Amino acid sequence: GGMNVFLVYKDGTLVTPELSGSILEGITRESILQLARDRGMKVEERKVSIDEWKDGVASGAITEVFACGTAAVVTPIGQLKGEGFSVGDINAPAGEVTMSLRKELTDIQYGRLPDRHNWLVKLG
């Protein structure tokens, strides 16, 4: 799909798969990474396996998972399902980091927060 996945660890680290040719490059992805760094979060771009996701959610090491993309902006992921497994809870509330990053990004996009990175371009 046209989205990137982010894992939020209990220690505040934000992990996303590294760009490898099959991972979507994008402005929304880069914006989320920059906003996380601005907050002082440790950000890791590296290989991420399904097992890391499954085991991290099951153990509580991963506290939130979200996706981002142009149309979806930031969207919480409550549950990961695959052949023979399911991890997470489809009814879990959206996480604090997920929703605060979404709010910050959309507030910048709509002019409710200053654009301190000069991302916006005025047309006309």
PDB file of N, CA and C in Angstrom:
ATOM      1  N   GLY A   1       0.808  -1.188   0.000  1.00  0.00           N
ATOM      2  CA  GLY A   1       0.000   0.000   0.000  1.00  0.00           C
ATOM      3  C   GLY A   1       0.848   1.247   0.000  1.00  0.00           C
ATOM      4  N   GLY A   2       0.183   2.357  -0.014  1.00  0.00           N
ATOM      5  CA  GLY A   2       0.844   3.658  -0.040  1.00  0.00           C
ATOM      6  C   GLY A   2       1.016   4.254   1.331  1.00  0.00           C
ATOM      7  N   MET A   3       1.483   3.455   2.280  1.00  0.00           N
ATOM      8  CA  MET A   3       1.646   3.960   3.641  1.00  0.00           C
ATOM      9  C   MET A   3       2.946   3.431   4.235  1.00  0.00           C
ATOM     10  N   ASN A   4       3.422   4.108   5.259  1.00  0.00           N
ATOM     11  CA  ASN A   4       4.574   3.677   6.036  1.00  0.00           C
ATOM     12  C   ASN A   4       4.104   3.275   7.423  1.00  0.00           C
ATOM     13  N   VAL A   5       4.824   2.359   8.047  1.00  0.00           N
ATOM     14  CA  VAL A   5       4.484   1.874   9.385  1.00  0.00           C
ATOM     15  C   VAL A   5       5.502   2.409  10.388  1.00  0.00           C
ATOM     16  N   PHE A   6       5.002   2.763  11.569  1.00  0.00           N
ATOM     17  CA  PHE A   6       5.846   3.241  12.660  1.00  0.00           C
ATOM     18  C   PHE A   6       5.505   2.458  13.920  1.00  0.00           C
ATOM     19  N   LEU A   7       6.537   2.072  14.658  1.00  0.00           N
ATOM     20  CA  LEU A   7       6.384   1.382  15.933  1.00  0.00           C
ATOM     21  C   LEU A   7       6.864   2.325  17.031  1.00  0.00           C
ATOM     22  N   VAL A   8       6.037   2.506  18.064  1.00  0.00           N
ATOM     23  CA  VAL A   8       6.411   3.340  19.203  1.00  0.00           C
ATOM     24  C   VAL A   8       6.746   2.395  20.351  1.00  0.00           C
ATOM     25  N   TYR A   9       7.981   2.452  20.799  1.00  0.00           N
ATOM     26  CA  TYR A   9       8.427   1.593  21.895  1.00  0.00           C
ATOM     27  C   TYR A   9       8.170   2.259  23.243  1.00  0.00           C
ATOM     28  N   LYS A  10       8.067   1.422  24.269  1.00  0.00           N
ATOM     29  CA  LYS A  10       7.797   1.877  25.633  1.00  0.00           C
ATOM     30  C   LYS A  10       8.800   2.935  26.085  1.00  0.00           C
ATOM     31  N   ASP A  11      10.057   2.836  25.627  1.00  0.00           N
ATOM     32  CA  ASP A  11      11.090   3.795  26.032  1.00  0.00           C
ATOM     33  C   ASP A  11      11.032   5.098  25.236  1.00  0.00           C
ATOM     34  N   GLY A  12      10.036   5.222  24.332  1.00  0.00           N
ATOM     35  CA  GLY A  12       9.868   6.448  23.558  1.00  0.00           C
ATOM     36  C   GLY A  12      10.542   6.429  22.206  1.00  0.00           C
ATOM     37  N   THR A  13      11.212   5.344  21.857  1.00  0.00           N
ATOM     38  CA  THR A  13      11.862   5.241  20.552  1.00  0.00           C
ATOM     39  C   THR A  13      10.817   5.047  19.465  1.00  0.00           C
ATOM     40  N   LEU A  14      11.007   5.737  18.348  1.00  0.00           N
ATOM     41  CA  LEU A  14      10.142   5.592  17.185  1.00  0.00           C
ATOM     42  C   LEU A  14      10.933   4.854  16.112  1.00  0.00           C
ATOM     43  N   VAL A  15      10.400   3.726  15.652  1.00  0.00           N
ATOM     44  CA  VAL A  15      11.086   2.882  14.673  1.00  0.00           C
ATOM     45  C   VAL A  15      10.237   2.790  13.418  1.00  0.00           C
ATOM     46  N   THR A  16      10.881   2.912  12.275  1.00  0.00           N
ATOM     47  CA  THR A  16      10.210   2.734  10.991  1.00  0.00           C
ATOM     48  C   THR A  16      11.160   2.008  10.046  1.00  0.00           C
ATOM     49  N   PRO A  17      10.639   1.213   9.133  1.00  0.00           N
ATOM     50  CA  PRO A  17      11.520   0.531   8.189  1.00  0.00           C
ATOM     51  C   PRO A  17      12.358   1.516   7.379  1.00  0.00           C
ATOM     52  N   GLU A  18      13.613   1.152   7.172  1.00  0.00           N
ATOM     53  CA  GLU A  18      14.513   1.984   6.383  1.00  0.00           C
ATOM     54  C   GLU A  18      14.100   1.965   4.915  1.00  0.00           C
ATOM     55  N   LEU A  19      14.454   3.010   4.210  1.00  0.00           N
ATOM     56  CA  LEU A  19      14.184   3.069   2.780  1.00  0.00           C
ATOM     57  C   LEU A  19      15.077   2.043   2.089  1.00  0.00           C
ATOM     58  N   SER A  20      14.452   1.161   1.353  1.00  0.00           N
ATOM     59  CA  SER A  20      15.199   0.059   0.755  1.00  0.00           C
ATOM     60  C   SER A  20      14.826  -0.178  -0.703  1.00  0.00           C
ATOM     61  N   GLY A  21      14.018   0.654  -1.262  1.00  0.00           N
ATOM     62  CA  GLY A  21      13.518   0.436  -2.617  1.00  0.00           C
ATOM     63  C   GLY A  21      12.092  -0.079  -2.621  1.00  0.00           C
ATOM     64  N   SER A  22      11.714  -0.820  -1.569  1.00  0.00           N
ATOM     65  CA  SER A  22      10.335  -1.304  -1.482  1.00  0.00           C
ATOM     66  C   SER A  22       9.555  -0.527  -0.422  1.00  0.00           C
ATOM     67  N   ILE A  23      10.229   0.327   0.338  1.00  0.00           N
ATOM     68  CA  ILE A  23       9.571   1.177   1.331  1.00  0.00           C
ATOM     69  C   ILE A  23       9.302   2.533   0.685  1.00  0.00           C
ATOM     70  N   LEU A  24       8.095   3.011   0.836  1.00  0.00           N
ATOM     71  CA  LEU A  24       7.654   4.250   0.215  1.00  0.00           C
ATOM     72  C   LEU A  24       8.381   5.461   0.794  1.00  0.00           C
ATOM     73  N   GLU A  25       9.077   6.200  -0.070  1.00  0.00           N
ATOM     74  CA  GLU A  25       9.621   7.492   0.339  1.00  0.00           C
ATOM     75  C   GLU A  25       8.470   8.475   0.329  1.00  0.00           C
ATOM     76  N   GLY A  26       8.516   9.466   1.189  1.00  0.00           N
ATOM     77  CA  GLY A  26       7.441  10.431   1.133  1.00  0.00           C
ATOM     78  C   GLY A  26       7.608  11.575   2.107  1.00  0.00           C
ATOM     79  N   ILE A  27       6.913  12.641   1.801  1.00  0.00           N
ATOM     80  CA  ILE A  27       6.979  13.844   2.620  1.00  0.00           C
ATOM     81  C   ILE A  27       6.304  13.623   3.961  1.00  0.00           C
ATOM     82  N   THR A  28       5.196  12.894   3.995  1.00  0.00           N
ATOM     83  CA  THR A  28       4.523  12.641   5.268  1.00  0.00           C
ATOM     84  C   THR A  28       5.450  11.847   6.177  1.00  0.00           C
ATOM     85  N   ARG A  29       6.084  10.819   5.657  1.00  0.00           N
ATOM     86  CA  ARG A  29       7.039  10.013   6.427  1.00  0.00           C
ATOM     87  C   ARG A  29       8.154  10.896   6.986  1.00  0.00           C
ATOM     88  N   GLU A  30       8.764  11.687   6.115  1.00  0.00           N
ATOM     89  CA  GLU A  30       9.864  12.558   6.550  1.00  0.00           C
ATOM     90  C   GLU A  30       9.394  13.586   7.574  1.00  0.00           C
ATOM     91  N   SER A  31       8.181  14.089   7.411  1.00  0.00           N
ATOM     92  CA  SER A  31       7.639  15.071   8.354  1.00  0.00           C
ATOM     93  C   SER A  31       7.448  14.451   9.735  1.00  0.00           C
ATOM     94  N   ILE A  32       6.921  13.235   9.785  1.00  0.00           N
ATOM     95  CA  ILE A  32       6.731  12.544  11.067  1.00  0.00           C
ATOM     96  C   ILE A  32       8.086  12.314  11.742  1.00  0.00           C
ATOM     97  N   LEU A  33       9.073  11.870  10.974  1.00  0.00           N
ATOM     98  CA  LEU A  33      10.408  11.653  11.543  1.00  0.00           C
ATOM     99  C   LEU A  33      10.981  12.952  12.101  1.00  0.00           C
ATOM    100  N   GLN A  34      10.810  14.047  11.379  1.00  0.00           N
ATOM    101  CA  GLN A  34      11.333  15.332  11.845  1.00  0.00           C
ATOM    102  C   GLN A  34      10.610  15.803  13.110  1.00  0.00           C
ATOM    103  N   LEU A  35       9.289  15.686  13.136  1.00  0.00           N
ATOM    104  CA  LEU A  35       8.535  16.104  14.327  1.00  0.00           C
ATOM    105  C   LEU A  35       8.933  15.272  15.543  1.00  0.00           C
ATOM    106  N   ALA A  36       9.162  13.982  15.341  1.00  0.00           N
ATOM    107  CA  ALA A  36       9.599  13.118  16.449  1.00  0.00           C
ATOM    108  C   ALA A  36      10.976  13.555  16.947  1.00  0.00           C
ATOM    109  N   ARG A  37      11.888  13.847  16.029  1.00  0.00           N
ATOM    110  CA  ARG A  37      13.225  14.320  16.425  1.00  0.00           C
ATOM    111  C   ARG A  37      13.125  15.650  17.159  1.00  0.00           C
ATOM    112  N   ASP A  38      12.250  16.527  16.681  1.00  0.00           N
ATOM    113  CA  ASP A  38      12.053  17.825  17.346  1.00  0.00           C
ATOM    114  C   ASP A  38      11.630  17.647  18.798  1.00  0.00           C
ATOM    115  N   ARG A  39      10.896  16.583  19.072  1.00  0.00           N
ATOM    116  CA  ARG A  39      10.430  16.293  20.435  1.00  0.00           C
ATOM    117  C   ARG A  39      11.511  15.630  21.286  1.00  0.00           C
ATOM    118  N   GLY A  40      12.635  15.321  20.681  1.00  0.00           N
ATOM    119  CA  GLY A  40      13.697  14.645  21.404  1.00  0.00           C
ATOM    120  C   GLY A  40      13.553  13.135  21.430  1.00  0.00           C
ATOM    121  N   MET A  41      12.651  12.603  20.619  1.00  0.00           N
ATOM    122  CA  MET A  41      12.487  11.153  20.548  1.00  0.00           C
ATOM    123  C   MET A  41      13.673  10.535  19.811  1.00  0.00           C
ATOM    124  N   LYS A  42      14.072   9.369  20.231  1.00  0.00           N
ATOM    125  CA  LYS A  42      15.064   8.603  19.492  1.00  0.00           C
ATOM    126  C   LYS A  42      14.345   8.020  18.282  1.00  0.00           C
ATOM    127  N   VAL A  43      14.902   8.211  17.096  1.00  0.00           N
ATOM    128  CA  VAL A  43      14.296   7.741  15.855  1.00  0.00           C
ATOM    129  C   VAL A  43      15.242   6.742  15.204  1.00  0.00           C
ATOM    130  N   GLU A  44      14.715   5.585  14.846  1.00  0.00           N
ATOM    131  CA  GLU A  44      15.501   4.557  14.165  1.00  0.00           C
ATOM    132  C   GLU A  44      14.839   4.204  12.843  1.00  0.00           C
ATOM    133  N   GLU A  45      15.620   4.280  11.775  1.00  0.00           N
ATOM    134  CA  GLU A  45      15.206   3.810  10.462  1.00  0.00           C
ATOM    135  C   GLU A  45      16.052   2.569  10.190  1.00  0.00           C
ATOM    136  N   ARG A  46      15.401   1.398  10.208  1.00  0.00           N
ATOM    137  CA  ARG A  46      16.144   0.138  10.084  1.00  0.00           C
ATOM    138  C   ARG A  46      15.194  -0.952   9.623  1.00  0.00           C
ATOM    139  N   LYS A  47      15.758  -2.131   9.368  1.00  0.00           N
ATOM    140  CA  LYS A  47      14.911  -3.261   8.998  1.00  0.00           C
ATOM    141  C   LYS A  47      14.018  -3.615  10.184  1.00  0.00           C
ATOM    142  N   VAL A  48      12.759  -3.907   9.877  1.00  0.00           N
ATOM    143  CA  VAL A  48      11.774  -4.295  10.892  1.00  0.00           C
ATOM    144  C   VAL A  48      11.089  -5.553  10.381  1.00  0.00           C
ATOM    145  N   SER A  49      11.038  -6.572  11.223  1.00  0.00           N
ATOM    146  CA  SER A  49      10.383  -7.819  10.819  1.00  0.00           C
ATOM    147  C   SER A  49       8.977  -7.911  11.416  1.00  0.00           C
ATOM    148  N   ILE A  50       8.169  -8.738  10.812  1.00  0.00           N
ATOM    149  CA  ILE A  50       6.841  -9.017  11.356  1.00  0.00           C
ATOM    150  C   ILE A  50       6.985  -9.612  12.759  1.00  0.00           C
ATOM    151  N   ASP A  51       7.979 -10.460  12.965  1.00  0.00           N
ATOM    152  CA  ASP A  51       8.187 -11.053  14.290  1.00  0.00           C
ATOM    153  C   ASP A  51       8.512  -9.989  15.338  1.00  0.00           C
ATOM    154  N   GLU A  52       9.316  -8.991  14.958  1.00  0.00           N
ATOM    155  CA  GLU A  52       9.607  -7.901  15.905  1.00  0.00           C
ATOM    156  C   GLU A  52       8.307  -7.197  16.303  1.00  0.00           C
ATOM    157  N   TRP A  53       7.462  -6.928  15.328  1.00  0.00           N
ATOM    158  CA  TRP A  53       6.184  -6.268  15.578  1.00  0.00           C
ATOM    159  C   TRP A  53       5.323  -7.144  16.476  1.00  0.00           C
ATOM    160  N   LYS A  54       5.144  -8.406  16.090  1.00  0.00           N
ATOM    161  CA  LYS A  54       4.297  -9.332  16.860  1.00  0.00           C
ATOM    162  C   LYS A  54       4.812  -9.483  18.294  1.00  0.00           C
ATOM    163  N   ASP A  55       6.097  -9.779  18.433  1.00  0.00           N
ATOM    164  CA  ASP A  55       6.669 -10.022  19.755  1.00  0.00           C
ATOM    165  C   ASP A  55       6.663  -8.760  20.607  1.00  0.00           C
ATOM    166  N   GLY A  56       6.942  -7.624  19.986  1.00  0.00           N
ATOM    167  CA  GLY A  56       6.971  -6.358  20.728  1.00  0.00           C
ATOM    168  C   GLY A  56       5.611  -5.957  21.263  1.00  0.00           C
ATOM    169  N   VAL A  57       4.575  -6.138  20.461  1.00  0.00           N
ATOM    170  CA  VAL A  57       3.221  -5.822  20.924  1.00  0.00           C
ATOM    171  C   VAL A  57       2.808  -6.814  22.012  1.00  0.00           C
ATOM    172  N   ALA A  58       3.084  -8.091  21.788  1.00  0.00           N
ATOM    173  CA  ALA A  58       2.694  -9.118  22.760  1.00  0.00           C
ATOM    174  C   ALA A  58       3.377  -8.912  24.113  1.00  0.00           C
ATOM    175  N   SER A  59       4.633  -8.476  24.112  1.00  0.00           N
ATOM    176  CA  SER A  59       5.378  -8.295  25.365  1.00  0.00           C
ATOM    177  C   SER A  59       5.116  -6.946  26.024  1.00  0.00           C
ATOM    178  N   GLY A  60       4.546  -6.011  25.271  1.00  0.00           N
ATOM    179  CA  GLY A  60       4.339  -4.670  25.798  1.00  0.00           C
ATOM    180  C   GLY A  60       5.483  -3.716  25.501  1.00  0.00           C
ATOM    181  N   ALA A  61       6.550  -4.210  24.848  1.00  0.00           N
ATOM    182  CA  ALA A  61       7.672  -3.339  24.487  1.00  0.00           C
ATOM    183  C   ALA A  61       7.250  -2.297  23.448  1.00  0.00           C
ATOM    184  N   ILE A  62       6.343  -2.688  22.548  1.00  0.00           N
ATOM    185  CA  ILE A  62       5.775  -1.758  21.566  1.00  0.00           C
ATOM    186  C   ILE A  62       4.408  -1.351  22.103  1.00  0.00           C
ATOM    187  N   THR A  63       4.239  -0.055  22.316  1.00  0.00           N
ATOM    188  CA  THR A  63       3.006   0.446  22.927  1.00  0.00           C
ATOM    189  C   THR A  63       2.017   1.024  21.925  1.00  0.00           C
ATOM    190  N   GLU A  64       2.520   1.407  20.744  1.00  0.00           N
ATOM    191  CA  GLU A  64       1.654   1.979  19.715  1.00  0.00           C
ATOM    192  C   GLU A  64       2.214   1.605  18.349  1.00  0.00           C
ATOM    193  N   VAL A  65       1.313   1.482  17.391  1.00  0.00           N
ATOM    194  CA  VAL A  65       1.698   1.278  15.998  1.00  0.00           C
ATOM    195  C   VAL A  65       0.795   2.172  15.161  1.00  0.00           C
ATOM    196  N   PHE A  66       1.402   2.858  14.191  1.00  0.00           N
ATOM    197  CA  PHE A  66       0.584   3.674  13.295  1.00  0.00           C
ATOM    198  C   PHE A  66       1.167   3.653  11.898  1.00  0.00           C
ATOM    199  N   ALA A  67       0.345   4.070  10.965  1.00  0.00           N
ATOM    200  CA  ALA A  67       0.752   4.203   9.572  1.00  0.00           C
ATOM    201  C   ALA A  67       0.639   5.661   9.184  1.00  0.00           C
ATOM    202  N   CYS A  68       1.388   6.043   8.173  1.00  0.00           N
ATOM    203  CA  CYS A  68       1.235   7.402   7.647  1.00  0.00           C
ATOM    204  C   CYS A  68       1.318   7.355   6.134  1.00  0.00           C
ATOM    205  N   GLY A  69       0.698   8.333   5.529  1.00  0.00           N
ATOM    206  CA  GLY A  69       0.706   8.474   4.083  1.00  0.00           C
ATOM    207  C   GLY A  69       0.018   9.771   3.717  1.00  0.00           C
ATOM    208  N   THR A  70       0.092  10.138   2.477  1.00  0.00           N
ATOM    209  CA  THR A  70      -0.439  11.426   2.037  1.00  0.00           C
ATOM    210  C   THR A  70      -1.919  11.589   2.365  1.00  0.00           C
ATOM    211  N   ALA A  71      -2.737  10.637   1.988  1.00  0.00           N
ATOM    212  CA  ALA A  71      -4.182  10.763   2.200  1.00  0.00           C
ATOM    213  C   ALA A  71      -4.585  10.468   3.640  1.00  0.00           C
ATOM    214  N   ALA A  72      -3.913   9.518   4.264  1.00  0.00           N
ATOM    215  CA  ALA A  72      -4.296   9.083   5.613  1.00  0.00           C
ATOM    216  C   ALA A  72      -3.670   9.942   6.704  1.00  0.00           C
ATOM    217  N   VAL A  73      -2.674  10.729   6.369  1.00  0.00           N
ATOM    218  CA  VAL A  73      -1.869  11.513   7.310  1.00  0.00           C
ATOM    219  C   VAL A  73      -1.255  10.549   8.327  1.00  0.00           C
ATOM    220  N   VAL A  74      -1.860  10.388   9.489  1.00  0.00           N
ATOM    221  CA  VAL A  74      -1.415   9.430  10.503  1.00  0.00           C
ATOM    222  C   VAL A  74      -2.631   8.635  10.943  1.00  0.00           C
ATOM    223  N   THR A  75      -2.541   7.316  10.863  1.00  0.00           N
ATOM    224  CA  THR A  75      -3.667   6.446  11.185  1.00  0.00           C
ATOM    225  C   THR A  75      -3.225   5.369  12.169  1.00  0.00           C
ATOM    226  N   PRO A  76      -3.884   5.286  13.341  1.00  0.00           N
ATOM    227  CA  PRO A  76      -3.527   4.243  14.309  1.00  0.00           C
ATOM    228  C   PRO A  76      -3.783   2.850  13.746  1.00  0.00           C
ATOM    229  N   ILE A  77      -2.945   1.900  14.147  1.00  0.00           N
ATOM    230  CA  ILE A  77      -3.144   0.492  13.808  1.00  0.00           C
ATOM    231  C   ILE A  77      -3.377  -0.240  15.120  1.00  0.00           C
ATOM    232  N   GLY A  78      -4.554  -0.815  15.278  1.00  0.00           N
ATOM    233  CA  GLY A  78      -4.891  -1.508  16.514  1.00  0.00           C
ATOM    234  C   GLY A  78      -4.526  -2.978  16.507  1.00  0.00           C
ATOM    235  N   GLN A  79      -4.561  -3.593  15.334  1.00  0.00           N
ATOM    236  CA  GLN A  79      -4.362  -5.034  15.287  1.00  0.00           C
ATOM    237  C   GLN A  79      -3.640  -5.432  14.003  1.00  0.00           C
ATOM    238  N   LEU A  80      -2.729  -6.378  14.143  1.00  0.00           N
ATOM    239  CA  LEU A  80      -2.039  -6.985  13.015  1.00  0.00           C
ATOM    240  C   LEU A  80      -2.519  -8.427  12.922  1.00  0.00           C
ATOM    241  N   LYS A  81      -3.034  -8.798  11.750  1.00  0.00           N
ATOM    242  CA  LYS A  81      -3.513 -10.166  11.551  1.00  0.00           C
ATOM    243  C   LYS A  81      -2.799 -10.759  10.352  1.00  0.00           C
ATOM    244  N   GLY A  82      -2.473 -12.022  10.485  1.00  0.00           N
ATOM    245  CA  GLY A  82      -1.860 -12.756   9.390  1.00  0.00           C
ATOM    246  C   GLY A  82      -2.296 -14.200   9.472  1.00  0.00           C
ATOM    247  N   GLU A  83      -1.800 -14.981   8.563  1.00  0.00           N
ATOM    248  CA  GLU A  83      -2.169 -16.390   8.550  1.00  0.00           C
ATOM    249  C   GLU A  83      -1.702 -17.062   9.838  1.00  0.00           C
ATOM    250  N   GLY A  84      -2.652 -17.463  10.661  1.00  0.00           N
ATOM    251  CA  GLY A  84      -2.346 -18.172  11.894  1.00  0.00           C
ATOM    252  C   GLY A  84      -1.987 -17.320  13.087  1.00  0.00           C
ATOM    253  N   PHE A  85      -2.094 -15.991  12.973  1.00  0.00           N
ATOM    254  CA  PHE A  85      -1.798 -15.161  14.136  1.00  0.00           C
ATOM    255  C   PHE A  85      -2.596 -13.864  14.118  1.00  0.00           C
ATOM    256  N   SER A  86      -2.708 -13.288  15.279  1.00  0.00           N
ATOM    257  CA  SER A  86      -3.323 -11.976  15.471  1.00  0.00           C
ATOM    258  C   SER A  86      -2.676 -11.371  16.704  1.00  0.00           C
ATOM    259  N   VAL A  87      -2.262 -10.122  16.617  1.00  0.00           N
ATOM    260  CA  VAL A  87      -1.659  -9.443  17.762  1.00  0.00           C
ATOM    261  C   VAL A  87      -2.237  -8.040  17.848  1.00  0.00           C
ATOM    262  N   GLY A  88      -2.454  -7.579  19.056  1.00  0.00           N
ATOM    263  CA  GLY A  88      -3.061  -6.268  19.262  1.00  0.00           C
ATOM    264  C   GLY A  88      -4.550  -6.415  19.487  1.00  0.00           C
ATOM    265  N   ASP A  89      -5.213  -5.275  19.551  1.00  0.00           N
ATOM    266  CA  ASP A  89      -6.646  -5.236  19.831  1.00  0.00           C
ATOM    267  C   ASP A  89      -7.298  -4.209  18.919  1.00  0.00           C
ATOM    268  N   ILE A  90      -8.174  -4.669  18.051  1.00  0.00           N
ATOM    269  CA  ILE A  90      -8.847  -3.783  17.100  1.00  0.00           C
ATOM    270  C   ILE A  90      -9.619  -2.672  17.802  1.00  0.00           C
ATOM    271  N   ASN A  91     -10.020  -2.915  19.056  1.00  0.00           N
ATOM    272  CA  ASN A  91     -10.797  -1.924  19.804  1.00  0.00           C
ATOM    273  C   ASN A  91      -9.940  -1.049  20.716  1.00  0.00           C
ATOM    274  N   ALA A  92      -8.626  -1.222  20.665  1.00  0.00           N
ATOM    275  CA  ALA A  92      -7.743  -0.409  21.512  1.00  0.00           C
ATOM    276  C   ALA A  92      -7.837   1.055  21.092  1.00  0.00           C
ATOM    277  N   PRO A  93      -7.804   1.956  22.056  1.00  0.00           N
ATOM    278  CA  PRO A  93      -7.825   3.377  21.703  1.00  0.00           C
ATOM    279  C   PRO A  93      -6.517   3.776  21.018  1.00  0.00           C
ATOM    280  N   ALA A  94      -6.585   4.804  20.214  1.00  0.00           N
ATOM    281  CA  ALA A  94      -5.388   5.324  19.556  1.00  0.00           C
ATOM    282  C   ALA A  94      -4.407   5.818  20.614  1.00  0.00           C
ATOM    283  N   GLY A  95      -3.121   5.631  20.346  1.00  0.00           N
ATOM    284  CA  GLY A  95      -2.089   6.000  21.301  1.00  0.00           C
ATOM    285  C   GLY A  95      -1.837   7.499  21.369  1.00  0.00           C
ATOM    286  N   GLU A  96      -1.260   7.901  22.478  1.00  0.00           N
ATOM    287  CA  GLU A  96      -0.974   9.325  22.728  1.00  0.00           C
ATOM    288  C   GLU A  96       0.046   9.883  21.738  1.00  0.00           C
ATOM    289  N   VAL A  97       1.136   9.147  21.492  1.00  0.00           N
ATOM    290  CA  VAL A  97       2.153   9.627  20.554  1.00  0.00           C
ATOM    291  C   VAL A  97       1.563   9.706  19.152  1.00  0.00           C
ATOM    292  N   THR A  98       0.856   8.677  18.751  1.00  0.00           N
ATOM    293  CA  THR A  98       0.224   8.639  17.436  1.00  0.00           C
ATOM    294  C   THR A  98      -0.648   9.870  17.209  1.00  0.00           C
ATOM    295  N   MET A  99      -1.549  10.116  18.143  1.00  0.00           N
ATOM    296  CA  MET A  99      -2.504  11.197  17.945  1.00  0.00           C
ATOM    297  C   MET A  99      -1.872  12.577  18.108  1.00  0.00           C
ATOM    298  N   SER A 100      -0.863  12.694  18.957  1.00  0.00           N
ATOM    299  CA  SER A 100      -0.219  14.000  19.108  1.00  0.00           C
ATOM    300  C   SER A 100       0.624  14.341  17.876  1.00  0.00           C
ATOM    301  N   LEU A 101       1.269  13.337  17.264  1.00  0.00           N
ATOM    302  CA  LEU A 101       1.988  13.596  16.016  1.00  0.00           C
ATOM    303  C   LEU A 101       1.020  13.961  14.899  1.00  0.00           C
ATOM    304  N   ARG A 102      -0.107  13.264  14.836  1.00  0.00           N
ATOM    305  CA  ARG A 102      -1.131  13.589  13.835  1.00  0.00           C
ATOM    306  C   ARG A 102      -1.617  15.025  14.007  1.00  0.00           C
ATOM    307  N   LYS A 103      -1.923  15.384  15.252  1.00  0.00           N
ATOM    308  CA  LYS A 103      -2.432  16.738  15.523  1.00  0.00           C
ATOM    309  C   LYS A 103      -1.390  17.793  15.175  1.00  0.00           C
ATOM    310  N   GLU A 104      -0.152  17.561  15.575  1.00  0.00           N
ATOM    311  CA  GLU A 104       0.898  18.539  15.284  1.00  0.00           C
ATOM    312  C   GLU A 104       1.070  18.725  13.782  1.00  0.00           C
ATOM    313  N   LEU A 105       1.124  17.627  13.032  1.00  0.00           N
ATOM    314  CA  LEU A 105       1.305  17.735  11.586  1.00  0.00           C
ATOM    315  C   LEU A 105       0.124  18.442  10.927  1.00  0.00           C
ATOM    316  N   THR A 106      -1.092  18.059  11.271  1.00  0.00           N
ATOM    317  CA  THR A 106      -2.254  18.710  10.643  1.00  0.00           C
ATOM    318  C   THR A 106      -2.389  20.167  11.098  1.00  0.00           C
ATOM    319  N   ASP A 107      -2.003  20.468  12.327  1.00  0.00           N
ATOM    320  CA  ASP A 107      -2.032  21.870  12.773  1.00  0.00           C
ATOM    321  C   ASP A 107      -1.042  22.722  11.977  1.00  0.00           C
ATOM    322  N   ILE A 108       0.111  22.167  11.645  1.00  0.00           N
ATOM    323  CA  ILE A 108       1.057  22.888  10.789  1.00  0.00           C
ATOM    324  C   ILE A 108       0.465  23.051   9.395  1.00  0.00           C
ATOM    325  N   GLN A 109      -0.108  21.984   8.850  1.00  0.00           N
ATOM    326  CA  GLN A 109      -0.673  22.029   7.501  1.00  0.00           C
ATOM    327  C   GLN A 109      -1.792  23.058   7.371  1.00  0.00           C
ATOM    328  N   TYR A 110      -2.591  23.199   8.433  1.00  0.00           N
ATOM    329  CA  TYR A 110      -3.731  24.120   8.387  1.00  0.00           C
ATOM    330  C   TYR A 110      -3.421  25.484   8.984  1.00  0.00           C
ATOM    331  N   GLY A 111      -2.172  25.751   9.324  1.00  0.00           N
ATOM    332  CA  GLY A 111      -1.778  27.067   9.813  1.00  0.00           C
ATOM    333  C   GLY A 111      -2.113  27.323  11.267  1.00  0.00           C
ATOM    334  N   ARG A 112      -2.460  26.298  12.031  1.00  0.00           N
ATOM    335  CA  ARG A 112      -2.775  26.478  13.450  1.00  0.00           C
ATOM    336  C   ARG A 112      -1.516  26.473  14.316  1.00  0.00           C
ATOM    337  N   LEU A 113      -0.421  25.972  13.760  1.00  0.00           N
ATOM    338  CA  LEU A 113       0.891  25.997  14.412  1.00  0.00           C
ATOM    339  C   LEU A 113       1.889  26.584  13.427  1.00  0.00           C
ATOM    340  N   PRO A 114       2.931  27.219  13.938  1.00  0.00           N
ATOM    341  CA  PRO A 114       3.942  27.767  13.027  1.00  0.00           C
ATOM    342  C   PRO A 114       4.645  26.677  12.226  1.00  0.00           C
ATOM    343  N   ASP A 115       5.003  27.008  11.016  1.00  0.00           N
ATOM    344  CA  ASP A 115       5.729  26.105  10.122  1.00  0.00           C
ATOM    345  C   ASP A 115       7.223  26.382  10.298  1.00  0.00           C
ATOM    346  N   ARG A 116       7.818  25.818  11.334  1.00  0.00           N
ATOM    347  CA  ARG A 116       9.217  26.130  11.662  1.00  0.00           C
ATOM    348  C   ARG A 116      10.228  25.446  10.741  1.00  0.00           C
ATOM    349  N   HIS A 117       9.759  24.578   9.835  1.00  0.00           N
ATOM    350  CA  HIS A 117      10.657  23.909   8.897  1.00  0.00           C
ATOM    351  C   HIS A 117      10.458  24.402   7.453  1.00  0.00           C
ATOM    352  N   ASN A 118       9.618  25.398   7.275  1.00  0.00           N
ATOM    353  CA  ASN A 118       9.333  25.952   5.938  1.00  0.00           C
ATOM    354  C   ASN A 118       8.838  24.897   4.956  1.00  0.00           C
ATOM    355  N   TRP A 119       7.888  24.090   5.449  1.00  0.00           N
ATOM    356  CA  TRP A 119       7.304  23.037   4.620  1.00  0.00           C
ATOM    357  C   TRP A 119       6.196  23.578   3.698  1.00  0.00           C
ATOM    358  N   LEU A 120       5.524  24.626   4.114  1.00  0.00           N
ATOM    359  CA  LEU A 120       4.360  25.107   3.372  1.00  0.00           C
ATOM    360  C   LEU A 120       4.769  26.070   2.266  1.00  0.00           C
ATOM    361  N   VAL A 121       4.058  26.017   1.166  1.00  0.00           N
ATOM    362  CA  VAL A 121       4.279  26.922   0.059  1.00  0.00           C
ATOM    363  C   VAL A 121       2.955  27.603  -0.244  1.00  0.00           C
ATOM    364  N   LYS A 122       2.967  28.929  -0.211  1.00  0.00           N
ATOM    365  CA  LYS A 122       1.753  29.680  -0.528  1.00  0.00           C
ATOM    366  C   LYS A 122       1.577  29.755  -2.047  1.00  0.00           C
ATOM    367  N   LEU A 123       0.379  29.384  -2.479  1.00  0.00           N
ATOM    368  CA  LEU A 123       0.057  29.432  -3.904  1.00  0.00           C
ATOM    369  C   LEU A 123      -0.770  30.673  -4.190  1.00  0.00           C
ATOM    370  N   GLY A 124      -0.537  31.264  -5.333  1.00  0.00           N
ATOM    371  CA  GLY A 124      -1.367  32.368  -5.780  1.00  0.00           C
ATOM    372  C   GLY A 124      -0.978  33.651  -5.279  1.00  0.00           C
TER     373      GLY A 124
END
